[in-house]
């Protein structure tokens, strides 16, 4: 992506190599109680499905474990092995297992189904707990009952508080809905306890005379309050996190890359549902007039260009706190630097096919009086658009310079400063001279050399030495590195890499016409492009973290 600060660069991560959304990352719009945001509603619905799956799995294993305990220790818990509890326990386990299977296949179900499953999962679990505690009391021998009666309040409260806390922790809710459900769940065990007391005087004695009922009410009240408060706080935190991932009308999905001046995210327009890339200026640069000027220059320059081989700018704006951003086209594909790094030099016919498109994009820019100044393989993306493959897209107008008087403020660099990528920079950027349209032509020649050979014209890690070589050393012939390169294509590269700009092609139109005359001009077809992309296993870069590249690739050098 753009050159932002000395030694840093944004990767060309504005493209999607998987061409698919991750499962449950986005669901069709549907309603959710108490929220007006469509995207937030959809995310909450999918979250509800995932959380219900987790609850069902936890409860499944919990009730299965207690079933085994009841079968192994029948003397202490006779009711758990009794048919009045055993078969309901089996039925509950089967039901919870079925819910797990249903949600495991697809968690983002219709909201009506998810809310129904929510009621059934926690409702059946609650009913089973009440039935179990009641059956245990009724089926106990007098000897066991005396001992159980004193532990009855805590034995009832503990599993219910766990169940209530699980509901508040896992299920996304508004605080009002959470309070209603939790209150209902807190009352049920108290009713069950009094029903048990009606059957057994020992239980009644503990609840009334020994204050057991007061203890149960107190603990259930405290547990319910903590649960409702926690549920509300979790909801607020989720909303805050959601708002932090929004900018303007765009929802930020994934971080794609970052550099000295900005951060790029995969985003989606909230209403149009169109994927795009959002570049946001770094917070530390919001007070830097020069950084702001460069940022605005980049988006203004690109927005004026409409050629299909130039990246399209969708929107520009700022947040309430003054953070600048712009939305641009999101391109499925690979930049040419990555393509060569992964798969080696490109066949000459493919190089010609791609570079002709770059020339066409530059024609419009040059006619508008703009010099790109940072043409390199990493700033050219071979993309898929509308089912057409190998569409070359010229990106990153962060260093654009305008020769038009009214656009003079787009020139950000100062005299004595070299701006661009040393591996692909024209000699006039390092010696006394003024870069012009022919400087871009030199960069096209250096880029073509790299695509054909897999090597820069003058490799090296020291940018000063690389710049000096471009200014004084004769370039090698591409055929030294790779066989099968047509002589006409080698001649084009040699002319582009002339030290004196007067000896190069004088316009990109002239360069494009030269590419037309290469014998392999039309050998790279759409069918070959589609075949290559279909057979190529592309590693997804959507979720990768930015790794700062070699500082020799893109830099700003000040000689003052």
Protein backbone atom coordinates (compact mmCIF):
# COMPACT_ATOMS: atom_id res chain seq x y z
CA UNK A 1 0.00 0.00 0.00
CA UNK A 2 1.05 3.57 0.52
CA UNK A 3 4.41 4.89 1.60
CA UNK A 4 3.69 6.54 4.89
CA UNK A 5 6.85 7.16 6.86
CA UNK A 6 10.55 6.40 6.39
CA UNK A 7 11.13 2.69 6.42
CA UNK A 8 7.47 1.66 6.62
CA UNK A 9 4.81 0.68 4.16
CA UNK A 10 1.27 -0.58 4.15
CA UNK A 11 0.88 -3.98 2.50
CA UNK A 12 -1.46 -4.43 -0.43
CA UNK A 13 -3.98 -6.19 1.75
CA UNK A 14 -7.05 -4.63 0.19
CA UNK A 15 -7.84 -7.85 -1.55
CA UNK A 16 -9.49 -11.06 -0.44
CA UNK A 17 -7.78 -14.31 -1.34
CA UNK A 18 -10.42 -16.60 0.11
CA UNK A 19 -13.37 -14.90 -1.66
CA UNK A 20 -15.63 -16.26 1.07
CA UNK A 21 -16.89 -15.01 4.41
CA UNK A 22 -16.01 -17.10 7.46
CA UNK A 23 -18.86 -19.18 8.86
CA UNK A 24 -21.32 -17.19 10.95
CA UNK A 25 -19.36 -14.00 10.33
CA UNK A 26 -22.46 -12.42 8.85
CA UNK A 27 -26.07 -13.47 8.91
CA UNK A 28 -29.22 -12.19 7.17
CA UNK A 29 -30.96 -9.38 8.98
CA UNK A 30 -33.36 -10.35 11.71
CA UNK A 31 -34.87 -8.86 14.84
CA UNK A 32 -33.46 -8.81 18.35
CA UNK A 33 -35.17 -7.31 21.37
CA UNK A 34 -34.13 -3.83 22.40
CA UNK A 35 -31.70 -2.89 19.63
CA UNK A 36 -32.07 -0.76 16.51
CA UNK A 37 -28.78 -1.51 14.79
CA UNK A 38 -29.26 -4.03 11.99
CA UNK A 39 -25.66 -5.19 11.93
CA UNK A 40 -25.49 -5.40 15.71
CA UNK A 41 -28.72 -7.41 15.66
CA UNK A 42 -27.25 -9.87 13.20
CA UNK A 43 -24.02 -10.27 15.14
CA UNK A 44 -25.98 -10.73 18.38
CA UNK A 45 -28.15 -13.42 16.80
CA UNK A 46 -25.13 -15.40 15.69
CA UNK A 47 -23.54 -14.88 19.11
CA UNK A 48 -26.72 -16.17 20.77
CA UNK A 49 -26.50 -19.35 18.70
CA UNK A 50 -22.87 -19.93 19.68
CA UNK A 51 -23.55 -19.23 23.34
CA UNK A 52 -26.57 -21.54 23.39
CA UNK A 53 -24.41 -24.28 21.93
CA UNK A 54 -21.87 -23.77 24.72
CA UNK A 55 -24.60 -23.84 27.39
CA UNK A 56 -26.18 -26.98 25.95
CA UNK A 57 -22.82 -28.75 25.89
CA UNK A 58 -21.96 -27.77 29.47
CA UNK A 59 -25.37 -28.83 30.77
CA UNK A 60 -25.23 -32.05 28.75
CA UNK A 61 -21.97 -33.14 30.37
CA UNK A 62 -23.05 -31.89 33.81
CA UNK A 63 -26.31 -33.86 33.88
CA UNK A 64 -24.58 -36.90 32.38
CA UNK A 65 -21.96 -36.77 35.14
CA UNK A 66 -24.63 -36.53 37.85
CA UNK A 67 -26.47 -39.47 36.28
CA UNK A 68 -23.33 -41.58 36.62
CA UNK A 69 -22.88 -40.38 40.17
CA UNK A 70 -26.45 -41.43 41.01
CA UNK A 71 -25.91 -44.88 39.53
CA UNK A 72 -22.61 -45.41 41.35
CA UNK A 73 -23.60 -44.02 44.75
CA UNK A 74 -27.19 -45.18 45.24
CA UNK A 75 -26.96 -45.28 49.04
CA UNK A 76 -26.45 -41.55 49.41
CA UNK A 77 -28.60 -40.35 46.51
CA UNK A 78 -31.29 -42.97 45.98
CA UNK A 79 -33.55 -40.67 43.97
CA UNK A 80 -30.98 -40.29 41.16
CA UNK A 81 -31.23 -44.00 40.36
CA UNK A 82 -34.99 -44.12 40.89
CA UNK A 83 -37.12 -44.37 37.76
CA UNK A 84 -38.93 -41.14 38.70
CA UNK A 85 -35.66 -39.26 38.20
CA UNK A 86 -33.64 -41.63 36.05
CA UNK A 87 -35.86 -41.48 32.96
CA UNK A 88 -36.35 -37.68 33.07
CA UNK A 89 -32.57 -37.41 33.41
CA UNK A 90 -32.09 -39.57 30.33
CA UNK A 91 -34.68 -37.53 28.44
CA UNK A 92 -32.98 -34.24 29.37
CA UNK A 93 -29.60 -35.56 28.29
CA UNK A 94 -31.02 -36.69 24.94
CA UNK A 95 -32.69 -33.29 24.44
CA UNK A 96 -29.51 -31.35 25.25
CA UNK A 97 -27.50 -33.60 22.94
CA UNK A 98 -30.00 -32.93 20.14
CA UNK A 99 -29.66 -29.18 20.69
CA UNK A 100 -25.88 -29.51 20.51
CA UNK A 101 -26.12 -31.36 17.19
CA UNK A 102 -28.59 -28.83 15.78
CA UNK A 103 -26.50 -25.78 16.70
CA UNK A 104 -23.16 -27.38 15.95
CA UNK A 105 -24.09 -27.63 12.27
CA UNK A 106 -25.13 -23.98 12.12
CA UNK A 107 -25.26 -21.62 15.07
CA UNK A 108 -26.77 -18.67 13.18
CA UNK A 109 -30.38 -19.87 13.20
CA UNK A 110 -33.59 -17.77 13.00
CA UNK A 111 -34.09 -15.69 16.12
CA UNK A 112 -37.45 -17.34 16.89
CA UNK A 113 -35.83 -20.78 16.94
CA UNK A 114 -32.92 -19.59 19.08
CA UNK A 115 -35.19 -17.95 21.64
CA UNK A 116 -37.33 -21.08 21.76
CA UNK A 117 -34.26 -23.24 22.31
CA UNK A 118 -33.09 -20.82 25.00
CA UNK A 119 -36.38 -21.27 26.90
CA UNK A 120 -36.34 -25.04 26.46
CA UNK A 121 -32.70 -25.55 27.44
CA UNK A 122 -32.93 -23.54 30.65
CA UNK A 123 -36.60 -24.36 31.28
CA UNK A 124 -36.15 -28.12 31.11
CA UNK A 125 -32.98 -27.89 33.19
CA UNK A 126 -34.82 -25.84 35.83
CA UNK A 127 -37.78 -28.22 35.94
CA UNK A 128 -35.44 -31.18 36.29
CA UNK A 129 -33.59 -29.55 39.19
CA UNK A 130 -36.86 -28.88 41.04
CA UNK A 131 -38.12 -32.40 40.37
CA UNK A 132 -34.83 -33.92 41.52
CA UNK A 133 -34.71 -31.99 44.80
CA UNK A 134 -38.37 -32.84 45.47
CA UNK A 135 -37.87 -36.54 44.67
CA UNK A 136 -34.75 -36.76 46.82
CA UNK A 137 -36.67 -35.46 49.83
CA UNK A 138 -39.67 -37.72 49.28
CA UNK A 139 -37.66 -40.90 48.66
CA UNK A 140 -35.15 -40.47 51.48
CA UNK A 141 -35.13 -42.83 54.45
CA UNK A 142 -35.71 -41.16 57.83
CA UNK A 143 -32.06 -41.63 58.77
CA UNK A 144 -30.75 -39.97 55.60
CA UNK A 145 -33.44 -37.27 55.73
CA UNK A 146 -32.26 -35.96 59.10
CA UNK A 147 -28.79 -35.44 57.73
CA UNK A 148 -30.07 -34.06 54.41
CA UNK A 149 -32.45 -31.57 56.01
CA UNK A 150 -29.65 -29.45 57.50
CA UNK A 151 -27.83 -29.33 54.14
CA UNK A 152 -31.03 -28.82 52.18
CA UNK A 153 -30.85 -25.00 51.73
CA UNK A 154 -27.28 -25.02 50.40
CA UNK A 155 -27.88 -28.09 48.23
CA UNK A 156 -30.79 -26.33 46.58
CA UNK A 157 -29.17 -22.92 46.21
CA UNK A 158 -25.80 -23.95 44.75
CA UNK A 159 -26.98 -25.61 41.47
CA UNK A 160 -29.58 -22.88 40.93
CA UNK A 161 -27.08 -20.04 41.34
CA UNK A 162 -24.79 -21.84 38.89
CA UNK A 163 -27.64 -22.18 36.39
CA UNK A 164 -28.66 -18.53 36.81
CA UNK A 165 -25.08 -17.33 36.48
CA UNK A 166 -24.64 -19.41 33.35
CA UNK A 167 -27.67 -17.75 31.83
CA UNK A 168 -26.46 -14.25 32.62
CA UNK A 169 -22.90 -14.95 31.53
CA UNK A 170 -23.64 -16.73 28.27
CA UNK A 171 -26.93 -15.40 26.90
CA UNK A 172 -26.79 -11.91 25.28
CA UNK A 173 -29.74 -9.88 26.53
CA UNK A 174 -31.08 -6.50 27.47
CA UNK A 175 -30.96 -5.93 31.21
CA UNK A 176 -34.76 -5.85 31.44
CA UNK A 177 -35.22 -9.21 29.77
CA UNK A 178 -32.38 -10.66 31.80
CA UNK A 179 -33.96 -9.38 35.03
CA UNK A 180 -37.34 -10.94 34.21
CA UNK A 181 -35.88 -14.35 33.32
CA UNK A 182 -33.46 -14.41 36.27
CA UNK A 183 -36.21 -13.38 38.70
CA UNK A 184 -38.41 -16.20 37.46
CA UNK A 185 -35.53 -18.68 37.81
CA UNK A 186 -34.81 -17.44 41.34
CA UNK A 187 -38.41 -17.93 42.52
CA UNK A 188 -38.77 -21.51 41.22
CA UNK A 189 -36.36 -23.20 43.69
CA UNK A 190 -37.96 -21.34 46.60
CA UNK A 191 -41.37 -22.68 45.59
CA UNK A 192 -39.88 -26.15 45.23
CA UNK A 193 -38.30 -25.88 48.68
CA UNK A 194 -41.63 -25.04 50.28
CA UNK A 195 -43.30 -27.88 48.41
CA UNK A 196 -40.68 -30.21 49.87
CA UNK A 197 -41.30 -28.75 53.33
CA UNK A 198 -44.98 -29.63 53.00
CA UNK A 199 -44.01 -33.28 52.54
CA UNK A 200 -41.31 -33.53 55.19
CA UNK A 201 -41.47 -31.90 58.61
CA UNK A 202 -37.67 -32.07 58.99
CA UNK A 203 -37.30 -29.82 55.94
CA UNK A 204 -39.96 -27.46 57.25
CA UNK A 205 -38.15 -27.25 60.58
CA UNK A 206 -34.88 -26.28 58.91
CA UNK A 207 -36.54 -23.72 56.64
CA UNK A 208 -38.69 -22.06 59.33
CA UNK A 209 -37.15 -22.51 62.76
CA UNK A 210 -33.48 -22.55 61.74
CA UNK A 211 -33.78 -19.70 59.22
CA UNK A 212 -33.04 -21.82 56.15
CA UNK A 213 -35.66 -20.09 54.03
CA UNK A 214 -34.19 -16.65 54.83
CA UNK A 215 -30.73 -17.87 53.84
CA UNK A 216 -32.08 -19.26 50.56
CA UNK A 217 -33.90 -16.01 49.75
CA UNK A 218 -30.81 -13.96 50.59
CA UNK A 219 -28.45 -16.05 48.47
CA UNK A 220 -30.83 -16.25 45.53
CA UNK A 221 -31.37 -12.48 45.68
CA UNK A 222 -27.66 -11.71 45.77
CA UNK A 223 -26.94 -14.21 43.01
CA UNK A 224 -29.70 -12.75 40.84
CA UNK A 225 -28.53 -9.16 41.32
CA UNK A 226 -24.96 -10.06 40.44
CA UNK A 227 -26.16 -11.99 37.39
CA UNK A 228 -28.36 -9.17 36.05
CA UNK A 229 -25.64 -6.59 36.65
CA UNK A 230 -23.03 -8.77 34.95
CA UNK A 231 -25.33 -9.41 32.00
CA UNK A 232 -25.92 -5.68 31.59
CA UNK A 233 -22.19 -4.89 31.80
CA UNK A 234 -21.33 -7.58 29.27
CA UNK A 235 -23.98 -6.15 26.94
CA UNK A 236 -22.57 -2.64 27.29
CA UNK A 237 -19.05 -3.87 26.65
CA UNK A 238 -20.22 -5.68 23.53
CA UNK A 239 -21.96 -2.55 22.32
CA UNK A 240 -18.85 -0.46 23.01
CA UNK A 241 -16.69 -2.96 21.16
CA UNK A 242 -19.15 -2.93 18.28
CA UNK A 243 -19.17 0.87 18.12
CA UNK A 244 -15.37 0.87 18.19
CA UNK A 245 -15.45 -1.27 15.05
CA UNK A 246 -17.63 1.21 13.23
CA UNK A 247 -16.58 4.31 11.38
CA UNK A 248 -19.20 6.37 9.64
CA UNK A 249 -21.55 3.98 7.84
CA UNK A 250 -18.95 1.22 7.74
CA UNK A 251 -18.47 -1.79 9.98
CA UNK A 252 -14.82 -2.77 10.35
CA UNK A 253 -14.36 -6.52 9.92
CA UNK A 254 -10.63 -7.33 9.88
CA UNK A 255 -7.38 -5.43 10.18
CA UNK A 256 -5.54 -5.84 6.89
CA UNK A 257 -2.39 -3.82 7.42
CA UNK A 258 -0.82 -0.77 9.00
CA UNK A 259 1.99 1.66 8.39
CA UNK A 260 3.39 4.90 9.64
CA UNK A 261 0.47 7.07 8.52
CA UNK A 262 -2.62 4.85 8.47
CA UNK A 263 -4.30 1.53 9.17
CA UNK A 264 -6.30 -0.44 6.60
CA UNK A 265 -9.34 -2.56 7.50
CA UNK A 266 -11.65 -4.84 5.61
CA UNK A 267 -15.03 -3.21 6.05
CA UNK A 268 -18.64 -3.43 4.97
CA UNK A 269 -21.14 -0.68 4.32
CA UNK A 270 -23.88 -1.06 6.91
CA UNK A 271 -26.76 -0.59 4.46
CA UNK A 272 -25.39 -1.57 1.04
CA UNK A 273 -23.59 -4.65 2.42
CA UNK A 274 -20.72 -3.91 0.01
CA UNK A 275 -17.27 -4.97 1.08
CA UNK A 276 -14.55 -2.36 0.84
CA UNK A 277 -11.21 -1.40 2.35
CA UNK A 278 -11.11 1.47 4.85
CA UNK A 279 -7.91 3.43 5.41
CA UNK A 280 -7.88 5.37 8.69
CA UNK A 281 -5.24 7.93 9.56
CA UNK A 282 -3.30 7.08 12.70
CA UNK A 283 -4.34 8.91 15.86
CA UNK A 284 -0.84 10.33 16.33
CA UNK A 285 -1.04 11.91 12.87
CA UNK A 286 -4.34 13.73 13.37
CA UNK A 287 -2.51 16.82 14.61
CA UNK A 288 0.23 16.65 11.95
CA UNK A 289 -0.69 19.04 9.15
CA UNK A 290 1.80 17.47 6.76
CA UNK A 291 0.43 13.95 7.39
CA UNK A 292 -3.13 15.19 6.96
CA UNK A 293 -2.17 16.96 3.74
CA UNK A 294 -0.59 13.78 2.36
CA UNK A 295 -3.60 11.72 3.41
CA UNK A 296 -6.02 14.11 1.72
CA UNK A 297 -3.76 14.33 -1.33
CA UNK A 298 -3.82 10.56 -1.70
CA UNK A 299 -7.59 10.21 -1.64
CA UNK A 300 -8.17 13.36 -3.73
CA UNK A 301 -5.80 12.19 -6.45
CA UNK A 302 -7.22 8.67 -6.64
CA UNK A 303 -10.81 9.94 -6.56
CA UNK A 304 -10.24 12.01 -9.70
CA UNK A 305 -9.30 8.92 -11.69
CA UNK A 306 -11.99 6.68 -13.14
CA UNK A 307 -10.04 4.22 -15.28
CA UNK A 308 -11.03 0.59 -14.56
CA UNK A 309 -7.37 -0.28 -13.94
CA UNK A 310 -7.13 2.28 -11.14
CA UNK A 311 -8.42 1.50 -7.68
CA UNK A 312 -11.82 3.09 -7.09
CA UNK A 313 -12.47 5.44 -4.17
CA UNK A 314 -15.94 5.13 -2.68
CA UNK A 315 -16.09 7.60 0.17
CA UNK A 316 -14.16 10.05 2.33
CA UNK A 317 -15.00 11.51 5.70
CA UNK A 318 -14.08 11.98 9.32
CA UNK A 319 -15.44 10.85 12.66
CA UNK A 320 -16.78 13.11 15.39
CA UNK A 321 -13.32 13.24 16.95
CA UNK A 322 -11.73 14.33 13.66
CA UNK A 323 -10.24 11.00 12.57
CA UNK A 324 -9.90 10.97 8.77
CA UNK A 325 -10.73 7.92 6.69
CA UNK A 326 -11.61 6.91 3.18
CA UNK A 327 -13.24 3.85 1.68
CA UNK A 328 -11.86 2.18 -1.43
CA UNK A 329 -12.35 -0.86 -3.61
CA UNK A 330 -11.69 -4.26 -2.05
CA UNK A 331 -9.87 -6.45 -4.53
CA UNK A 332 -9.80 -10.26 -4.58
CA UNK A 333 -6.36 -11.26 -5.84
CA UNK A 334 -2.64 -10.87 -5.22
CA UNK A 335 -0.26 -7.99 -5.62
CA UNK A 336 2.53 -8.73 -8.09
CA UNK A 337 5.24 -8.67 -5.42
CA UNK A 338 3.53 -11.51 -3.57
CA UNK A 339 2.77 -13.34 -6.78
CA UNK A 340 6.42 -13.45 -7.82
CA UNK A 341 7.65 -14.18 -4.29
CA UNK A 342 5.33 -17.20 -4.03
CA UNK A 343 5.27 -18.57 -7.55
CA UNK A 344 8.39 -17.24 -9.25
CA UNK A 345 8.83 -15.07 -12.36
CA UNK A 346 5.80 -14.62 -14.58
CA UNK A 347 5.71 -15.77 -18.20
CA UNK A 348 6.45 -12.91 -20.64
CA UNK A 349 2.95 -13.01 -22.12
CA UNK A 350 1.39 -12.50 -18.70
CA UNK A 351 3.78 -9.66 -17.91
CA UNK A 352 2.80 -7.91 -21.14
CA UNK A 353 -0.88 -8.51 -20.43
CA UNK A 354 -0.65 -6.91 -16.98
CA UNK A 355 1.71 -4.05 -17.77
CA UNK A 356 -0.39 -2.88 -20.73
CA UNK A 357 -3.23 -2.37 -18.27
CA UNK A 358 -0.96 -0.40 -15.95
CA UNK A 359 0.02 1.83 -18.85
CA UNK A 360 -3.65 2.46 -19.59
CA UNK A 361 -4.28 3.44 -15.97
CA UNK A 362 -1.29 5.78 -16.03
CA UNK A 363 -2.47 7.42 -19.25
CA UNK A 364 -5.42 8.89 -17.42
CA UNK A 365 -3.30 9.97 -14.44
CA UNK A 366 -0.70 11.62 -16.66
CA UNK A 367 -3.38 13.40 -18.69
CA UNK A 368 -4.65 14.79 -15.37
CA UNK A 369 -1.15 16.04 -14.63
CA UNK A 370 -0.36 13.46 -11.94
CA UNK A 371 2.90 11.58 -11.46
CA UNK A 372 2.41 8.42 -9.41
CA UNK A 373 6.04 8.26 -8.13
CA UNK A 374 5.68 4.88 -6.43
CA UNK A 375 5.05 2.33 -9.17
CA UNK A 376 6.32 -1.06 -8.03
CA UNK A 377 5.07 -4.67 -8.01
CA UNK A 378 3.52 -4.29 -4.55
CA UNK A 379 1.37 -1.42 -5.83
CA UNK A 380 -0.11 -3.41 -8.72
CA UNK A 381 -2.77 -5.99 -7.91
CA UNK A 382 -3.82 -8.80 -10.22
CA UNK A 383 -7.47 -8.98 -9.23
CA UNK A 384 -10.68 -10.75 -10.12
CA UNK A 385 -13.54 -8.43 -10.96
CA UNK A 386 -16.93 -9.64 -12.14
CA UNK A 387 -15.60 -13.08 -13.07
CA UNK A 388 -12.73 -11.62 -15.12
CA UNK A 389 -9.26 -12.57 -13.91
CA UNK A 390 -5.90 -10.79 -13.99
CA UNK A 391 -7.41 -7.32 -13.96
CA UNK A 392 -4.43 -5.11 -13.11
CA UNK A 393 -5.24 -2.48 -10.52
CA UNK A 394 -2.88 0.41 -9.81
CA UNK A 395 -3.11 1.41 -6.15
CA UNK A 396 -1.47 3.71 -3.62
CA UNK A 397 -1.50 7.33 -4.70
CA UNK A 398 0.02 8.48 -1.40
CA UNK A 399 3.09 9.95 -3.13
CA UNK A 400 1.33 11.40 -6.15
CA UNK A 401 2.67 14.72 -7.39
CA UNK A 402 0.61 17.06 -9.51
CA UNK A 403 2.11 19.28 -12.19
CA UNK A 404 -1.08 21.32 -12.44
CA UNK A 405 -0.95 24.72 -10.69
CA UNK A 406 -4.33 24.29 -9.01
CA UNK A 407 -3.20 20.95 -7.64
CA UNK A 408 0.12 22.22 -6.37
CA UNK A 409 -0.74 21.57 -2.76
CA UNK A 410 -0.69 17.85 -3.53
CA UNK A 411 3.08 18.02 -3.58
CA UNK A 412 4.11 17.13 -0.08
CA UNK A 413 7.82 16.37 -0.29
CA UNK A 414 10.42 19.15 -0.19
CA UNK A 415 13.53 19.84 -2.18
CA UNK A 416 16.40 17.59 -1.23
CA UNK A 417 14.05 14.73 -0.38
CA UNK A 418 13.85 11.49 -2.34
CA UNK A 419 10.39 9.95 -2.24
CA UNK A 420 9.49 6.51 -3.50
CA UNK A 421 10.84 2.97 -3.64
CA UNK A 422 14.62 2.83 -4.24
CA UNK A 423 14.40 -0.53 -6.03
CA UNK A 424 12.19 1.04 -8.71
CA UNK A 425 13.09 4.75 -8.64
CA UNK A 426 14.28 6.73 -11.66
CA UNK A 427 17.79 8.29 -11.60
CA UNK A 428 16.40 11.84 -11.62
CA UNK A 429 14.99 11.25 -8.15
CA UNK A 430 18.53 10.96 -6.74
CA UNK A 431 20.45 13.58 -8.71
CA UNK A 432 19.75 17.14 -9.73
CA UNK A 433 16.63 16.94 -11.80
CA UNK A 434 12.89 17.13 -11.59
CA UNK A 435 10.81 13.92 -11.78
CA UNK A 436 8.18 13.95 -14.50
CA UNK A 437 5.91 11.50 -16.32
CA UNK A 438 8.95 9.70 -17.70
CA UNK A 439 9.98 8.84 -14.12
CA UNK A 440 6.91 6.61 -13.92
CA UNK A 441 7.99 5.00 -17.19
CA UNK A 442 11.36 4.13 -15.64
CA UNK A 443 9.53 2.52 -12.70
CA UNK A 444 7.40 0.50 -15.13
CA UNK A 445 10.59 -0.77 -16.75
CA UNK A 446 12.07 -1.74 -13.35
CA UNK A 447 8.82 -3.44 -12.39
CA UNK A 448 8.68 -5.34 -15.69
CA UNK A 449 12.28 -6.49 -15.12
CA UNK A 450 11.32 -7.86 -11.70
CA UNK A 451 8.24 -9.67 -13.02
CA UNK A 452 10.28 -11.34 -15.77
CA UNK A 453 13.26 -12.34 -13.62
CA UNK A 454 12.13 -12.43 -10.02
CA UNK A 455 15.00 -10.06 -9.21
CA UNK A 456 15.16 -6.24 -8.95
CA UNK A 457 17.30 -4.45 -11.52
CA UNK A 458 19.73 -3.46 -8.77
CA UNK A 459 19.15 -5.58 -5.67
CA UNK A 460 20.45 -4.51 -2.29
CA UNK A 461 19.43 -3.73 1.26
CA UNK A 462 21.14 -0.33 1.41
CA UNK A 463 18.77 2.19 -0.21
CA UNK A 464 21.55 4.71 -0.86
CA UNK A 465 23.61 2.14 -2.80
CA UNK A 466 20.54 1.05 -4.75
CA UNK A 467 19.72 4.64 -5.67
CA UNK A 468 23.33 5.23 -6.73
CA UNK A 469 23.23 2.12 -8.95
CA UNK A 470 20.08 3.34 -10.67
CA UNK A 471 21.80 6.65 -11.34
CA UNK A 472 25.15 5.33 -12.64
CA UNK A 473 25.30 1.55 -13.29
CA UNK A 474 24.13 -0.02 -16.58
CA UNK A 475 21.14 -2.35 -16.02
CA UNK A 476 21.64 -6.07 -16.76
CA UNK A 477 19.65 -7.83 -19.45
CA UNK A 478 16.60 -9.81 -18.19
CA UNK A 479 17.72 -12.80 -20.28
CA UNK A 480 20.69 -13.21 -17.93
CA UNK A 481 18.24 -14.41 -15.30
CA UNK A 482 15.50 -16.06 -17.32
CA UNK A 483 15.28 -17.80 -20.69
CA UNK A 484 12.55 -17.34 -23.24
CA UNK A 485 12.10 -13.60 -22.97
CA UNK A 486 11.32 -12.08 -26.40
CA UNK A 487 13.96 -9.68 -27.73
CA UNK A 488 11.26 -7.04 -28.30
CA UNK A 489 10.32 -7.17 -24.60
CA UNK A 490 13.94 -6.91 -23.53
CA UNK A 491 14.31 -3.86 -25.73
CA UNK A 492 11.27 -2.24 -24.10
CA UNK A 493 12.79 -2.79 -20.66
CA UNK A 494 16.14 -1.37 -21.80
CA UNK A 495 14.51 1.79 -23.20
CA UNK A 496 12.46 2.31 -20.04
CA UNK A 497 15.63 1.98 -17.93
CA UNK A 498 17.62 4.61 -19.80
CA UNK A 499 19.42 6.94 -17.41
CA UNK A 500 18.39 10.06 -19.29
CA UNK A 501 14.67 10.59 -19.45
CA UNK A 502 14.95 11.94 -23.01
CA UNK A 503 16.09 8.50 -24.18
CA UNK A 504 13.09 6.66 -22.73
CA UNK A 505 9.60 6.33 -24.08
CA UNK A 506 8.21 9.83 -23.78
CA UNK A 507 4.65 8.85 -22.93
CA UNK A 508 2.91 5.80 -21.50
CA UNK A 509 0.82 5.71 -24.69
CA UNK A 510 4.03 5.16 -26.63
CA UNK A 511 5.09 2.49 -24.14
CA UNK A 512 1.71 0.76 -24.44
CA UNK A 513 2.04 0.70 -28.22
CA UNK A 514 5.46 -0.93 -27.83
CA UNK A 515 3.93 -3.64 -25.62
CA UNK A 516 1.34 -4.21 -28.37
CA UNK A 517 4.13 -5.15 -30.79
CA UNK A 518 5.66 -7.86 -28.61
CA UNK A 519 5.03 -11.25 -30.34
CA UNK A 520 3.43 -12.76 -27.22
CA UNK A 521 1.08 -9.81 -26.88
CA UNK A 522 -2.15 -11.81 -27.04
CA UNK A 523 -0.92 -15.20 -25.80
CA UNK A 524 -2.22 -14.67 -22.28
CA UNK A 525 -5.98 -15.19 -22.47
CA UNK A 526 -8.81 -15.19 -19.97
CA UNK A 527 -9.01 -18.96 -20.13
CA UNK A 528 -5.33 -19.21 -19.14
CA UNK A 529 -5.87 -16.68 -16.36
CA UNK A 530 -8.84 -18.57 -15.00
CA UNK A 531 -6.96 -21.86 -15.19
CA UNK A 532 -4.00 -20.41 -13.28
CA UNK A 533 -6.15 -18.98 -10.52
CA UNK A 534 -8.23 -22.15 -10.23
CA UNK A 535 -5.12 -24.29 -9.77
CA UNK A 536 -3.29 -21.94 -7.45
CA UNK A 537 -3.67 -22.47 -3.74
CA UNK A 538 -3.65 -18.94 -2.38
CA UNK A 539 -2.78 -18.38 1.25
CA UNK A 540 -5.38 -16.05 2.78
CA UNK A 541 -3.98 -12.69 3.85
CA UNK A 542 -7.22 -11.31 5.21
CA UNK A 543 -6.38 -12.00 8.87
CA UNK A 544 -2.62 -11.71 8.80
CA UNK A 545 -0.95 -9.13 10.98
CA UNK A 546 1.18 -6.52 9.28
CA UNK A 547 4.87 -7.41 9.16
CA UNK A 548 7.08 -4.47 8.35
CA UNK A 549 8.81 -5.15 5.03
CA UNK A 550 12.36 -4.55 4.01
CA UNK A 551 12.99 -0.84 4.50
CA UNK A 552 14.87 -0.78 1.21
CA UNK A 553 11.65 -1.42 -0.67
CA UNK A 554 9.91 1.82 0.21
CA UNK A 555 11.49 4.79 1.88
CA UNK A 556 11.77 8.54 2.09
CA UNK A 557 15.33 9.80 2.22
CA UNK A 558 16.20 13.37 3.16
CA UNK A 559 19.56 14.60 1.93
CA UNK A 560 19.31 18.00 3.65
